[in-house]
Amino acid sequence: MSQFEVGEIVSALRQVRSEWRDSQKRARDPGGRELPSREALAQAIEQLKGALFPMRLGPVDLRHESEDFYVGHTLISALHTLEAQARLELSYMARHTGAPAEELEGKASEAIRTFAAELPAIRRLLDSDVLAAFTGDPAARSVDEVLLCYPGVLALIHHRIAHQLYALGLPLLSRIVAELAHSQTGIDIHPGASIDAGFFMDHGTGVVIGETAVIGKRVRLYQAVTLGAKRFPTDQEGNLQKGLPRHPVVEDDVVIYAGATILGRVTIGRGATIGGNVWITADVPPGASVTQASLQNARPVP
């Protein structure tokens, strides 16, 4: 068996790490982990899914008489984990913004308490999503099948949680939660996207929804639909400007079929239907039908 001399490599890697940490304003001796843990967040999200849907996503041996005890115990564990991860993110942000560390005291606890209070509303939104999937798919035999099997519903559970964390000023935590679902489902929803009740992604693989997208009630997307940005404005120095609205607005009762790409600040009017494999770059009025055969306000994907 070969013997490897790694001493020089270890030293060189230490030097590279030091250079990177200096450039990123990292503490030389932080005394512990500096960034949130993907593994810890994954565990917390699994616990939250069980607390939201205990008899379907909770433990296999759970009984109805033990539901409240299980939900309470699980929530306490998940919320403590989220609070610890939120504290890490806020500390990380403080180092990069120069904000006084003392201003962050209590912010993590406050954010997670607010998040916890929103869980019943999150559950109601998810119920509307599950019903939309059940009524919108003739192959669905029950709402339980939808919740247990549909990747679009899994992605939405993560999104509803991630969007609330994003709104509370925890963009890194929310992005990790979103990417956990992305890696499992192939559905990429930025946690900043605003999605109203009754949203259904049929099949869903390849769906991309950008940060500033706004989606109304009872919207249905099929697989490989992109709600993206046509261009990215830059400042005087050529740097990308962040935080500007740049993604589509999709109003209520819209259906967008597989392969459609909607780019930029496009408004899809209420009740419009977008066919597959079209590229929309201009507003579509309410009730309009844009298909492969009728390319009003659209052109084929290049």
Protein backbone atom coordinates (compact mmCIF):
# COMPACT_ATOMS: atom_id res chain seq x y z
CA MET A 1 0.00 0.00 0.00
CA SER A 2 1.27 3.47 -0.91
CA GLN A 3 2.43 5.85 1.80
CA PHE A 4 1.45 9.46 1.20
CA GLU A 5 3.45 12.40 2.52
CA VAL A 6 0.81 15.04 3.12
CA GLY A 7 2.54 17.45 5.52
CA GLU A 8 3.31 20.05 2.85
CA ILE A 9 -0.20 19.75 1.42
CA VAL A 10 -1.74 20.28 4.87
CA SER A 11 0.41 23.41 5.31
CA ALA A 12 -0.49 24.72 1.87
CA LEU A 13 -4.20 24.13 2.50
CA ARG A 14 -3.92 25.99 5.81
CA GLN A 15 -2.40 28.95 3.97
CA VAL A 16 -5.18 28.94 1.38
CA ARG A 17 -7.81 28.81 4.13
CA SER A 18 -6.19 31.71 5.95
CA GLU A 19 -6.11 33.84 2.81
CA TRP A 20 -9.77 33.09 2.12
CA ARG A 21 -10.84 33.84 5.69
CA ASP A 22 -8.99 37.15 5.66
CA SER A 23 -10.59 38.16 2.37
CA GLN A 24 -14.05 37.22 3.69
CA LYS A 25 -13.57 38.98 7.06
CA ARG A 26 -13.77 35.71 8.96
CA ALA A 27 -12.68 35.58 12.58
CA ARG A 28 -9.25 34.02 13.06
CA ASP A 29 -10.38 32.21 16.21
CA PRO A 30 -14.18 32.13 16.16
CA GLY A 31 -14.39 29.62 18.99
CA GLY A 32 -16.79 27.38 17.09
CA ARG A 33 -18.78 27.05 13.92
CA GLU A 34 -19.21 30.31 11.98
CA LEU A 35 -21.92 29.34 9.50
CA PRO A 36 -25.27 27.54 9.74
CA SER A 37 -25.20 23.77 9.31
CA ARG A 38 -26.99 22.20 6.36
CA GLU A 39 -27.28 18.94 8.32
CA ALA A 40 -28.80 20.62 11.38
CA LEU A 41 -31.31 22.47 9.21
CA ALA A 42 -32.24 19.29 7.36
CA GLN A 43 -33.04 17.63 10.68
CA ALA A 44 -35.09 20.64 11.85
CA ILE A 45 -37.09 20.72 8.61
CA GLU A 46 -37.89 17.01 8.91
CA GLN A 47 -39.14 17.71 12.43
CA LEU A 48 -41.22 20.65 11.23
CA LYS A 49 -42.78 18.53 8.49
CA GLY A 50 -43.73 15.98 11.14
CA ALA A 51 -45.19 18.71 13.37
CA LEU A 52 -47.20 20.16 10.48
CA PHE A 53 -48.55 16.77 9.32
CA PRO A 54 -48.04 14.44 12.31
CA MET A 55 -50.16 11.48 11.21
CA ARG A 56 -48.75 11.44 7.68
CA LEU A 57 -45.21 12.77 7.94
CA GLY A 58 -44.58 11.99 11.61
CA PRO A 59 -43.27 8.75 13.14
CA VAL A 60 -44.77 5.47 11.96
CA ASP A 61 -45.96 4.45 15.44
CA LEU A 62 -47.69 7.75 16.30
CA ARG A 63 -51.28 7.49 17.58
CA HIS A 64 -53.98 10.16 17.57
CA GLU A 65 -54.06 10.37 21.35
CA SER A 66 -50.35 11.30 21.33
CA GLU A 67 -50.49 13.88 18.53
CA ASP A 68 -50.32 17.02 20.65
CA PHE A 69 -47.51 15.67 22.82
CA TYR A 70 -45.51 14.68 19.75
CA VAL A 71 -46.12 18.03 18.02
CA GLY A 72 -45.12 20.01 21.11
CA HIS A 73 -42.00 17.97 21.81
CA THR A 74 -40.93 18.03 18.16
CA LEU A 75 -41.56 21.74 17.77
CA ILE A 76 -39.43 22.59 20.80
CA SER A 77 -36.52 20.62 19.39
CA ALA A 78 -36.88 22.07 15.87
CA LEU A 79 -37.25 25.65 17.10
CA HIS A 80 -34.20 25.42 19.36
CA THR A 81 -32.20 24.19 16.36
CA LEU A 82 -33.52 26.99 14.17
CA GLU A 83 -32.72 29.57 16.83
CA ALA A 84 -29.12 28.34 17.10
CA GLN A 85 -28.73 28.40 13.31
CA ALA A 86 -30.34 31.86 13.10
CA ARG A 87 -27.84 33.13 15.66
CA LEU A 88 -24.99 31.84 13.51
CA GLU A 89 -26.38 33.56 10.42
CA LEU A 90 -26.93 36.86 12.19
CA SER A 91 -23.40 36.78 13.59
CA TYR A 92 -22.08 36.06 10.11
CA MET A 93 -24.05 39.02 8.72
CA ALA A 94 -22.75 41.29 11.49
CA ARG A 95 -19.13 40.52 10.58
CA HIS A 96 -19.79 41.45 6.97
CA THR A 97 -21.87 44.57 7.61
CA GLY A 98 -19.99 45.91 10.62
CA ALA A 99 -23.15 45.96 12.75
CA PRO A 100 -22.46 45.90 16.51
CA ALA A 101 -22.76 42.36 17.82
CA GLU A 102 -24.82 43.54 20.79
CA GLU A 103 -27.59 44.63 18.41
CA LEU A 104 -28.04 41.00 17.44
CA GLU A 105 -28.80 39.84 20.97
CA GLY A 106 -32.35 38.60 21.05
CA LYS A 107 -32.91 38.97 17.29
CA ALA A 108 -32.58 35.26 16.63
CA SER A 109 -35.04 34.39 19.40
CA GLU A 110 -37.49 37.04 18.22
CA ALA A 111 -37.30 35.85 14.60
CA ILE A 112 -37.91 32.21 15.47
CA ARG A 113 -40.75 33.05 17.87
CA THR A 114 -42.40 34.96 15.02
CA PHE A 115 -41.74 32.05 12.68
CA ALA A 116 -43.33 29.61 15.13
CA ALA A 117 -46.45 31.76 15.42
CA GLU A 118 -46.86 31.57 11.63
CA LEU A 119 -46.88 27.76 11.50
CA PRO A 120 -50.71 27.43 11.62
CA ALA A 121 -50.97 29.83 8.65
CA ILE A 122 -48.29 27.83 6.83
CA ARG A 123 -50.28 24.65 7.43
CA ARG A 124 -53.43 26.29 6.00
CA LEU A 125 -51.56 27.35 2.87
CA LEU A 126 -50.17 23.85 2.46
CA ASP A 127 -53.66 22.37 2.83
CA SER A 128 -54.75 24.57 -0.08
CA ASP A 129 -51.76 23.36 -2.12
CA VAL A 130 -52.54 19.72 -1.38
CA LEU A 131 -56.19 20.20 -2.42
CA ALA A 132 -55.09 21.98 -5.60
CA ALA A 133 -52.88 19.03 -6.51
CA PHE A 134 -55.62 16.50 -5.74
CA THR A 135 -58.31 18.29 -7.73
CA GLY A 136 -55.92 19.22 -10.53
CA ASP A 137 -54.54 15.77 -11.24
CA PRO A 138 -56.97 13.05 -12.41
CA ALA A 139 -54.38 10.41 -11.47
CA ALA A 140 -54.45 11.43 -7.79
CA ARG A 141 -56.48 8.97 -5.74
CA SER A 142 -56.41 10.81 -2.40
CA VAL A 143 -55.03 13.87 -0.65
CA ASP A 144 -52.82 11.51 1.35
CA GLU A 145 -51.22 10.17 -1.83
CA VAL A 146 -50.57 13.75 -2.93
CA LEU A 147 -48.87 14.67 0.34
CA LEU A 148 -46.79 11.51 0.54
CA CYS A 149 -45.77 11.15 -3.10
CA TYR A 150 -45.84 14.39 -5.08
CA PRO A 151 -42.50 16.18 -5.44
CA GLY A 152 -44.27 19.48 -6.07
CA VAL A 153 -45.92 19.29 -2.66
CA LEU A 154 -42.60 18.45 -0.98
CA ALA A 155 -41.01 21.46 -2.67
CA LEU A 156 -43.88 23.66 -1.50
CA ILE A 157 -43.57 22.50 2.12
CA HIS A 158 -39.96 23.60 2.02
CA HIS A 159 -40.86 26.83 0.22
CA ARG A 160 -43.59 27.85 2.66
CA ILE A 161 -41.11 27.39 5.53
CA ALA A 162 -38.22 29.01 3.65
CA HIS A 163 -40.29 32.01 2.55
CA GLN A 164 -41.19 32.81 6.15
CA LEU A 165 -37.54 32.62 7.21
CA TYR A 166 -36.63 34.86 4.27
CA ALA A 167 -39.25 37.41 5.32
CA LEU A 168 -37.77 37.43 8.84
CA GLY A 169 -34.34 38.46 7.58
CA LEU A 170 -32.68 35.03 7.47
CA PRO A 171 -31.80 34.66 3.78
CA LEU A 172 -29.04 32.09 4.25
CA LEU A 173 -31.16 29.75 6.35
CA SER A 174 -34.03 30.11 3.91
CA ARG A 175 -31.80 29.39 0.92
CA ILE A 176 -30.45 26.22 2.54
CA VAL A 177 -34.01 25.04 3.23
CA ALA A 178 -34.94 25.71 -0.41
CA GLU A 179 -31.88 23.91 -1.74
CA LEU A 180 -32.65 20.83 0.35
CA ALA A 181 -35.88 20.49 -1.62
CA HIS A 182 -34.19 21.42 -4.91
CA SER A 183 -31.71 18.57 -4.52
CA GLN A 184 -34.50 16.09 -3.80
CA THR A 185 -37.08 17.17 -6.37
CA GLY A 186 -35.37 19.07 -9.19
CA ILE A 187 -37.71 22.00 -8.43
CA ASP A 188 -35.87 25.29 -7.82
CA ILE A 189 -37.93 27.90 -5.96
CA HIS A 190 -36.09 30.87 -4.53
CA PRO A 191 -37.32 31.52 -0.97
CA GLY A 192 -38.03 35.15 -1.85
CA ALA A 193 -40.73 34.20 -4.36
CA SER A 194 -44.24 35.12 -3.20
CA ILE A 195 -46.76 32.31 -3.87
CA ASP A 196 -50.42 32.58 -2.90
CA ALA A 197 -52.79 29.75 -1.94
CA GLY A 198 -53.71 26.76 -4.07
CA PHE A 199 -50.47 26.42 -6.05
CA PHE A 200 -49.92 23.18 -8.00
CA MET A 201 -46.82 22.03 -9.88
CA ASP A 202 -47.82 19.00 -11.93
CA HIS A 203 -44.79 16.68 -12.15
CA GLY A 204 -42.65 19.71 -11.40
CA THR A 205 -39.17 18.55 -12.40
CA GLY A 206 -37.20 21.41 -13.91
CA VAL A 207 -39.46 24.19 -12.61
CA VAL A 208 -37.49 27.36 -11.78
CA ILE A 209 -39.10 30.29 -9.93
CA GLY A 210 -36.98 33.39 -9.31
CA GLU A 211 -36.58 35.49 -6.19
CA THR A 212 -38.92 38.37 -7.05
CA ALA A 213 -41.62 36.32 -8.80
CA VAL A 214 -45.17 36.91 -7.56
CA ILE A 215 -47.71 34.13 -8.11
CA GLY A 216 -51.44 34.55 -7.42
CA LYS A 217 -54.10 32.13 -6.25
CA ARG A 218 -54.93 28.82 -7.96
CA VAL A 219 -52.01 28.86 -10.40
CA ARG A 220 -50.90 25.63 -12.05
CA LEU A 221 -47.45 25.02 -13.55
CA TYR A 222 -46.32 21.94 -15.39
CA GLN A 223 -42.78 20.59 -15.55
CA ALA A 224 -39.80 22.54 -16.94
CA VAL A 225 -41.47 25.95 -16.61
CA THR A 226 -39.11 28.87 -15.96
CA LEU A 227 -40.21 32.11 -14.30
CA GLY A 228 -36.88 33.86 -14.69
CA ALA A 229 -35.16 37.17 -15.29
CA LYS A 230 -34.49 38.35 -18.83
CA ARG A 231 -31.63 40.62 -17.83
CA PHE A 232 -29.75 41.75 -14.75
CA PRO A 233 -29.26 45.52 -14.31
CA THR A 234 -25.79 46.68 -13.31
CA ASP A 235 -24.55 49.74 -11.44
CA GLN A 236 -22.04 52.34 -12.69
CA GLU A 237 -19.16 50.03 -11.85
CA GLY A 238 -20.67 47.10 -13.74
CA ASN A 239 -21.71 45.14 -10.66
CA LEU A 240 -25.05 43.33 -10.65
CA GLN A 241 -27.74 45.21 -8.73
CA LYS A 242 -29.44 42.99 -6.17
CA GLY A 243 -32.93 43.13 -4.74
CA LEU A 244 -34.63 44.74 -7.75
CA PRO A 245 -37.92 43.31 -9.09
CA ARG A 246 -36.94 41.31 -12.15
CA HIS A 247 -39.22 38.24 -12.32
CA PRO A 248 -42.76 37.67 -13.64
CA VAL A 249 -46.04 38.43 -11.93
CA VAL A 250 -48.57 35.62 -12.44
CA GLU A 251 -52.11 36.56 -11.48
CA ASP A 252 -54.93 34.27 -10.27
CA ASP A 253 -56.24 31.18 -12.11
CA VAL A 254 -53.39 30.89 -14.62
CA VAL A 255 -52.19 27.64 -16.23
CA ILE A 256 -48.66 27.43 -17.67
CA TYR A 257 -47.84 24.25 -19.59
CA ALA A 258 -44.64 22.25 -19.78
CA GLY A 259 -41.54 23.92 -21.15
CA ALA A 260 -42.78 27.51 -21.14
CA THR A 261 -40.23 30.19 -20.28
CA ILE A 262 -41.40 33.57 -18.94
CA LEU A 263 -38.58 36.07 -18.62
CA GLY A 264 -38.35 39.48 -16.99
CA ARG A 265 -41.02 41.68 -15.37
CA VAL A 266 -43.82 40.12 -17.39
CA THR A 267 -47.41 40.14 -16.09
CA ILE A 268 -49.52 37.10 -16.90
CA GLY A 269 -53.12 38.31 -16.57
CA ARG A 270 -55.78 36.53 -14.56
CA GLY A 271 -57.12 33.39 -16.23
CA ALA A 272 -54.52 33.36 -19.02
CA THR A 273 -53.26 30.09 -20.46
CA ILE A 274 -49.65 29.73 -21.59
CA GLY A 275 -48.88 26.80 -23.89
CA GLY A 276 -45.79 24.66 -23.85
CA ASN A 277 -42.42 25.56 -25.37
CA VAL A 278 -43.04 29.28 -25.77
CA TRP A 279 -40.89 32.11 -24.56
CA ILE A 280 -42.87 35.03 -23.10
CA THR A 281 -41.12 38.40 -22.89
CA ALA A 282 -44.12 40.75 -22.94
CA ASP A 283 -47.28 41.11 -20.86
CA VAL A 284 -50.11 38.66 -21.51
CA PRO A 285 -53.59 40.16 -20.94
CA PRO A 286 -56.21 38.50 -18.73
CA GLY A 287 -57.85 35.47 -20.29
CA ALA A 288 -55.49 35.36 -23.27
CA SER A 289 -54.30 32.06 -24.70
CA VAL A 290 -50.69 31.90 -25.86
CA THR A 291 -49.80 28.57 -27.44
CA GLN A 292 -47.41 27.07 -29.95
CA ALA A 293 -49.91 27.91 -32.68
CA SER A 294 -50.75 31.38 -31.36
CA LEU A 295 -47.56 33.23 -30.49
CA GLN A 296 -49.05 36.59 -29.56
CA ASN A 297 -46.61 38.32 -27.19
CA ALA A 298 -44.30 35.33 -27.43
CA ARG A 299 -41.78 33.56 -29.58
CA PRO A 300 -40.46 30.00 -29.60
CA VAL A 301 -37.71 29.14 -27.17
CA PRO A 302 -34.40 29.52 -29.07
